[in-house]
N, C-alpha and C. Protein backbone atom coordinates (compact mmCIF):
# COMPACT_ATOMS: atom_id res chain seq x y z
N MET A 1 12.85 66.45 134.91
CA MET A 1 11.52 66.22 135.44
C MET A 1 10.59 67.29 134.90
N LYS A 2 9.46 66.89 134.35
CA LYS A 2 8.59 67.84 133.69
C LYS A 2 7.79 68.71 134.65
N THR A 3 7.80 68.41 135.92
CA THR A 3 7.05 69.22 136.87
C THR A 3 7.78 70.47 137.31
N VAL A 4 9.03 70.61 136.97
CA VAL A 4 9.80 71.77 137.41
C VAL A 4 9.10 73.05 136.96
N GLY A 5 8.76 73.87 137.93
CA GLY A 5 8.23 75.17 137.61
C GLY A 5 6.81 75.18 137.08
N ALA A 6 6.06 74.15 137.28
CA ALA A 6 4.70 74.14 136.74
C ALA A 6 3.87 75.30 137.28
N VAL A 7 4.11 75.69 138.51
CA VAL A 7 3.36 76.82 139.06
C VAL A 7 3.58 78.07 138.23
N ALA A 8 4.82 78.40 137.97
CA ALA A 8 5.12 79.60 137.20
C ALA A 8 4.58 79.49 135.79
N ALA A 9 4.65 78.32 135.20
CA ALA A 9 4.17 78.14 133.83
C ALA A 9 2.66 78.28 133.76
N LEU A 10 1.96 77.68 134.68
CA LEU A 10 0.51 77.70 134.62
C LEU A 10 -0.09 79.04 135.03
N LEU A 11 0.50 79.68 135.98
CA LEU A 11 -0.04 80.95 136.45
C LEU A 11 0.54 82.15 135.74
N VAL A 12 1.65 81.94 135.04
CA VAL A 12 2.35 83.00 134.32
C VAL A 12 2.53 84.22 135.21
N ILE A 13 3.22 84.00 136.30
CA ILE A 13 3.45 85.08 137.25
C ILE A 13 4.93 85.35 137.38
N ALA A 14 5.26 86.55 137.75
CA ALA A 14 6.65 86.95 137.90
C ALA A 14 7.24 86.35 139.16
N THR A 15 8.52 86.13 139.15
CA THR A 15 9.20 85.51 140.28
C THR A 15 8.96 86.24 141.61
N PRO A 16 9.08 87.56 141.70
CA PRO A 16 8.83 88.21 143.00
C PRO A 16 7.42 87.97 143.51
N ALA A 17 6.44 87.99 142.62
CA ALA A 17 5.06 87.74 143.04
C ALA A 17 4.89 86.31 143.52
N PHE A 18 5.52 85.37 142.82
CA PHE A 18 5.46 83.97 143.23
C PHE A 18 6.07 83.81 144.61
N ALA A 19 7.24 84.40 144.80
CA ALA A 19 7.92 84.28 146.09
C ALA A 19 7.07 84.89 147.20
N ALA A 20 6.49 86.03 146.95
CA ALA A 20 5.68 86.69 147.98
C ALA A 20 4.46 85.85 148.33
N GLY A 21 3.85 85.24 147.34
CA GLY A 21 2.67 84.42 147.59
C GLY A 21 3.00 83.09 148.22
N ALA A 22 4.13 82.52 147.88
CA ALA A 22 4.48 81.19 148.36
C ALA A 22 5.11 81.22 149.75
N ASP A 23 5.83 82.26 150.06
CA ASP A 23 6.55 82.36 151.34
C ASP A 23 5.57 82.79 152.43
N LYS A 24 4.77 81.85 152.89
CA LYS A 24 3.69 82.14 153.84
C LYS A 24 4.17 82.67 155.18
N ASP A 25 5.33 82.24 155.63
CA ASP A 25 5.82 82.70 156.93
C ASP A 25 6.79 83.89 156.80
N ASN A 26 6.94 84.40 155.58
CA ASN A 26 7.76 85.59 155.32
C ASN A 26 9.19 85.50 155.87
N ASP A 27 9.78 84.30 155.74
CA ASP A 27 11.15 84.14 156.21
C ASP A 27 12.18 84.25 155.08
N GLY A 28 11.71 84.59 153.88
CA GLY A 28 12.62 84.74 152.76
C GLY A 28 12.98 83.44 152.07
N LYS A 29 12.37 82.34 152.52
CA LYS A 29 12.62 81.02 151.93
C LYS A 29 11.30 80.35 151.61
N ILE A 30 11.29 79.61 150.51
CA ILE A 30 10.11 78.84 150.15
C ILE A 30 10.45 77.38 150.39
N THR A 31 9.82 76.80 151.40
CA THR A 31 10.11 75.43 151.80
C THR A 31 9.34 74.42 150.95
N ARG A 32 9.65 73.17 151.13
CA ARG A 32 8.93 72.09 150.43
C ARG A 32 7.42 72.18 150.72
N ALA A 33 7.06 72.39 151.97
CA ALA A 33 5.64 72.48 152.33
C ALA A 33 4.98 73.68 151.65
N GLU A 34 5.69 74.80 151.60
CA GLU A 34 5.14 75.99 150.94
C GLU A 34 5.02 75.77 149.43
N LEU A 35 6.01 75.13 148.82
CA LEU A 35 5.92 74.82 147.39
C LEU A 35 4.76 73.87 147.11
N THR A 36 4.61 72.86 147.95
CA THR A 36 3.50 71.92 147.77
C THR A 36 2.17 72.64 147.87
N ALA A 37 2.04 73.53 148.83
CA ALA A 37 0.79 74.27 149.01
C ALA A 37 0.47 75.14 147.79
N VAL A 38 1.48 75.78 147.22
CA VAL A 38 1.25 76.62 146.04
C VAL A 38 0.81 75.76 144.86
N HIS A 39 1.49 74.64 144.65
CA HIS A 39 1.09 73.75 143.57
C HIS A 39 -0.33 73.24 143.80
N ALA A 40 -0.68 72.92 145.02
CA ALA A 40 -2.02 72.43 145.33
C ALA A 40 -3.08 73.50 145.08
N THR A 41 -2.72 74.75 145.30
CA THR A 41 -3.64 75.86 145.09
C THR A 41 -4.11 75.96 143.64
N LEU A 42 -3.27 75.52 142.72
CA LEU A 42 -3.66 75.54 141.31
C LEU A 42 -4.97 74.81 141.08
N PHE A 43 -5.13 73.70 141.74
CA PHE A 43 -6.34 72.90 141.56
C PHE A 43 -7.58 73.72 141.88
N GLU A 44 -7.56 74.38 143.01
CA GLU A 44 -8.73 75.17 143.42
C GLU A 44 -9.01 76.30 142.44
N ALA A 45 -7.95 76.90 141.91
CA ALA A 45 -8.13 77.98 140.94
C ALA A 45 -8.70 77.47 139.63
N LEU A 46 -8.33 76.27 139.25
CA LEU A 46 -8.80 75.72 137.97
C LEU A 46 -10.18 75.06 138.06
N ASP A 47 -10.55 74.57 139.22
CA ASP A 47 -11.82 73.87 139.39
C ASP A 47 -12.97 74.89 139.49
N HIS A 48 -13.31 75.48 138.35
CA HIS A 48 -14.29 76.57 138.32
C HIS A 48 -15.66 76.16 138.84
N ASN A 49 -16.11 74.95 138.53
CA ASN A 49 -17.45 74.55 138.97
C ASN A 49 -17.44 73.89 140.35
N LYS A 50 -16.27 73.81 140.95
CA LYS A 50 -16.08 73.31 142.32
C LYS A 50 -16.66 71.92 142.53
N ASP A 51 -16.49 71.05 141.52
CA ASP A 51 -16.96 69.67 141.64
C ASP A 51 -15.88 68.70 142.09
N GLY A 52 -14.69 69.21 142.40
CA GLY A 52 -13.61 68.37 142.88
C GLY A 52 -12.83 67.67 141.78
N VAL A 53 -13.07 68.09 140.52
CA VAL A 53 -12.39 67.52 139.37
C VAL A 53 -12.05 68.64 138.40
N VAL A 54 -10.84 68.60 137.85
CA VAL A 54 -10.46 69.54 136.79
C VAL A 54 -10.38 68.73 135.50
N ASP A 55 -11.16 69.15 134.50
CA ASP A 55 -11.13 68.46 133.21
C ASP A 55 -10.66 69.43 132.13
N SER A 56 -10.73 69.03 130.88
CA SER A 56 -10.19 69.85 129.79
C SER A 56 -10.93 71.16 129.60
N ARG A 57 -12.13 71.28 130.11
CA ARG A 57 -12.86 72.55 130.03
C ARG A 57 -12.32 73.56 131.03
N GLU A 58 -11.69 73.07 132.08
CA GLU A 58 -11.19 73.95 133.14
C GLU A 58 -9.67 74.09 133.14
N GLY A 59 -8.97 73.01 132.89
CA GLY A 59 -7.51 73.03 132.94
C GLY A 59 -6.93 72.94 131.56
N ASP A 60 -5.75 73.51 131.39
CA ASP A 60 -5.12 73.43 130.08
C ASP A 60 -4.42 72.08 129.91
N ALA A 61 -4.03 71.79 128.69
CA ALA A 61 -3.42 70.50 128.35
C ALA A 61 -2.15 70.25 129.17
N HIS A 62 -1.38 71.31 129.44
CA HIS A 62 -0.14 71.16 130.20
C HIS A 62 -0.43 70.66 131.62
N PHE A 63 -1.39 71.27 132.28
CA PHE A 63 -1.76 70.85 133.63
C PHE A 63 -2.28 69.41 133.61
N LEU A 64 -3.15 69.10 132.68
CA LEU A 64 -3.68 67.75 132.60
C LEU A 64 -2.57 66.73 132.34
N ASP A 65 -1.62 67.08 131.50
CA ASP A 65 -0.51 66.18 131.22
C ASP A 65 0.31 65.92 132.49
N LEU A 66 0.48 66.93 133.30
CA LEU A 66 1.28 66.80 134.52
C LEU A 66 0.57 66.06 135.63
N ALA A 67 -0.73 66.29 135.78
CA ALA A 67 -1.43 65.83 136.98
C ALA A 67 -2.44 64.71 136.77
N ASP A 68 -2.80 64.39 135.54
CA ASP A 68 -3.78 63.33 135.27
C ASP A 68 -3.05 61.99 135.21
N PHE A 69 -2.79 61.42 136.36
CA PHE A 69 -1.97 60.22 136.43
C PHE A 69 -2.64 58.98 135.85
N ASP A 70 -3.97 58.90 135.93
CA ASP A 70 -4.63 57.73 135.36
C ASP A 70 -5.07 57.94 133.90
N ARG A 71 -4.74 59.11 133.36
CA ARG A 71 -4.97 59.44 131.94
C ARG A 71 -6.42 59.29 131.50
N ASN A 72 -7.35 59.70 132.39
CA ASN A 72 -8.76 59.64 132.04
C ASN A 72 -9.31 61.00 131.63
N GLY A 73 -8.44 61.99 131.46
CA GLY A 73 -8.87 63.32 131.04
C GLY A 73 -9.35 64.21 132.16
N LYS A 74 -9.18 63.75 133.41
CA LYS A 74 -9.62 64.51 134.58
C LYS A 74 -8.56 64.44 135.66
N VAL A 75 -8.45 65.51 136.43
CA VAL A 75 -7.55 65.53 137.58
C VAL A 75 -8.41 65.65 138.83
N THR A 76 -8.31 64.65 139.70
CA THR A 76 -9.03 64.68 140.97
C THR A 76 -8.19 65.38 142.03
N ARG A 77 -8.79 65.68 143.16
CA ARG A 77 -8.04 66.28 144.27
C ARG A 77 -6.89 65.36 144.70
N GLU A 78 -7.14 64.05 144.71
CA GLU A 78 -6.11 63.10 145.10
C GLU A 78 -4.94 63.12 144.12
N GLU A 79 -5.25 63.13 142.81
CA GLU A 79 -4.18 63.21 141.82
C GLU A 79 -3.41 64.52 141.97
N ASN A 80 -4.15 65.60 142.23
CA ASN A 80 -3.49 66.89 142.38
C ASN A 80 -2.58 66.90 143.60
N ALA A 81 -2.97 66.23 144.68
CA ALA A 81 -2.12 66.16 145.87
C ALA A 81 -0.80 65.45 145.54
N THR A 82 -0.88 64.38 144.76
CA THR A 82 0.32 63.68 144.33
C THR A 82 1.16 64.57 143.43
N TYR A 83 0.50 65.21 142.47
CA TYR A 83 1.19 66.14 141.56
C TYR A 83 1.88 67.25 142.35
N ALA A 84 1.19 67.85 143.31
CA ALA A 84 1.74 68.97 144.08
C ALA A 84 3.00 68.54 144.83
N SER A 85 2.96 67.36 145.43
CA SER A 85 4.11 66.85 146.16
C SER A 85 5.28 66.59 145.22
N GLU A 86 5.01 65.96 144.08
CA GLU A 86 6.07 65.67 143.11
C GLU A 86 6.62 66.95 142.49
N ALA A 87 5.74 67.92 142.22
CA ALA A 87 6.19 69.18 141.64
C ALA A 87 7.10 69.93 142.60
N ALA A 88 6.74 69.95 143.87
CA ALA A 88 7.58 70.61 144.87
C ALA A 88 8.94 69.92 144.96
N ALA A 89 8.92 68.61 144.96
CA ALA A 89 10.18 67.86 145.01
C ALA A 89 11.03 68.17 143.78
N GLY A 90 10.40 68.26 142.62
CA GLY A 90 11.12 68.59 141.39
C GLY A 90 11.70 69.98 141.42
N ASP A 91 10.92 70.93 141.92
CA ASP A 91 11.42 72.31 142.02
C ASP A 91 12.66 72.35 142.91
N LEU A 92 12.60 71.66 144.05
CA LEU A 92 13.76 71.64 144.95
C LEU A 92 14.95 70.91 144.32
N ALA A 93 14.69 69.79 143.69
CA ALA A 93 15.78 69.01 143.09
C ALA A 93 16.50 69.82 142.01
N ASN A 94 15.76 70.61 141.28
CA ASN A 94 16.35 71.34 140.17
C ASN A 94 16.79 72.76 140.49
N CYS A 95 16.27 73.34 141.55
CA CYS A 95 16.53 74.76 141.80
C CYS A 95 17.21 75.07 143.13
N ASP A 96 17.26 74.13 144.04
CA ASP A 96 17.84 74.37 145.36
C ASP A 96 19.36 74.21 145.30
N ALA A 97 20.03 75.25 144.83
CA ALA A 97 21.48 75.20 144.59
C ALA A 97 22.29 74.91 145.85
N ASN A 98 21.87 75.45 146.98
CA ASN A 98 22.64 75.24 148.21
C ASN A 98 22.15 74.06 149.03
N LYS A 99 21.18 73.34 148.52
CA LYS A 99 20.67 72.10 149.13
C LYS A 99 20.21 72.27 150.57
N ASP A 100 19.53 73.40 150.84
CA ASP A 100 19.00 73.62 152.19
C ASP A 100 17.52 73.28 152.30
N GLU A 101 16.98 72.60 151.27
CA GLU A 101 15.58 72.18 151.24
C GLU A 101 14.60 73.36 151.22
N ALA A 102 15.05 74.48 150.66
CA ALA A 102 14.20 75.65 150.50
C ALA A 102 14.75 76.47 149.33
N LEU A 103 13.89 77.28 148.75
CA LEU A 103 14.32 78.17 147.67
C LEU A 103 14.33 79.60 148.19
N SER A 104 15.41 80.30 147.88
CA SER A 104 15.51 81.71 148.26
C SER A 104 16.34 82.43 147.21
N GLY A 105 16.25 83.73 147.20
CA GLY A 105 17.05 84.54 146.29
C GLY A 105 16.95 84.09 144.85
N ASP A 106 18.11 83.91 144.22
CA ASP A 106 18.16 83.51 142.82
C ASP A 106 17.57 82.13 142.57
N GLU A 107 17.51 81.30 143.58
CA GLU A 107 16.94 79.96 143.41
C GLU A 107 15.48 80.03 142.99
N VAL A 108 14.75 81.01 143.50
CA VAL A 108 13.34 81.16 143.13
C VAL A 108 13.22 81.46 141.64
N GLY A 109 14.15 82.26 141.12
CA GLY A 109 14.13 82.59 139.70
C GLY A 109 14.35 81.38 138.81
N CYS A 110 14.93 80.35 139.34
CA CYS A 110 15.16 79.12 138.58
C CYS A 110 13.84 78.53 138.10
N ILE A 111 12.78 78.66 138.87
CA ILE A 111 11.50 78.10 138.49
C ILE A 111 11.02 78.74 137.20
N THR A 112 11.05 80.05 137.12
CA THR A 112 10.62 80.75 135.92
C THR A 112 11.57 80.46 134.77
N ALA A 113 12.87 80.45 135.03
CA ALA A 113 13.85 80.18 133.98
C ALA A 113 13.70 78.76 133.44
N ALA A 114 13.43 77.81 134.30
CA ALA A 114 13.27 76.43 133.85
C ALA A 114 12.07 76.29 132.92
N ASP A 115 10.99 76.99 133.23
CA ASP A 115 9.81 76.91 132.39
C ASP A 115 10.01 77.56 131.04
N SER A 116 10.75 78.63 131.00
CA SER A 116 10.91 79.33 129.72
C SER A 116 11.72 78.51 128.75
N SER A 117 12.45 77.52 129.25
CA SER A 117 13.25 76.68 128.36
C SER A 117 12.52 75.43 127.93
N GLN A 118 11.33 75.18 128.45
CA GLN A 118 10.58 73.96 128.10
C GLN A 118 9.66 74.20 126.94
């Protein structure tokens, strides 16, 4: 699944920083909801003019490829919500080694490792 680790790829952040930012309740685990929220946050960071759309002037080709579902060259908030949910599901499917529906410890590093191989 091409959405694995899109957060780490797009933000180019280190695993500990990602974990600290994503683990909102500080329980040492990044849940599906927390992963979805982090992926969704990308949209707000990329939408520089705050018009509710990310286009090629604001987002890179990788983000547009992942989130522009109707292939019109723009990502809407609705498309990003779908992307965020699918990306979180992909991260869990590929990185949740113990299948507890959350990422912790070495599992978080899987996101960065998965991106470096793409």
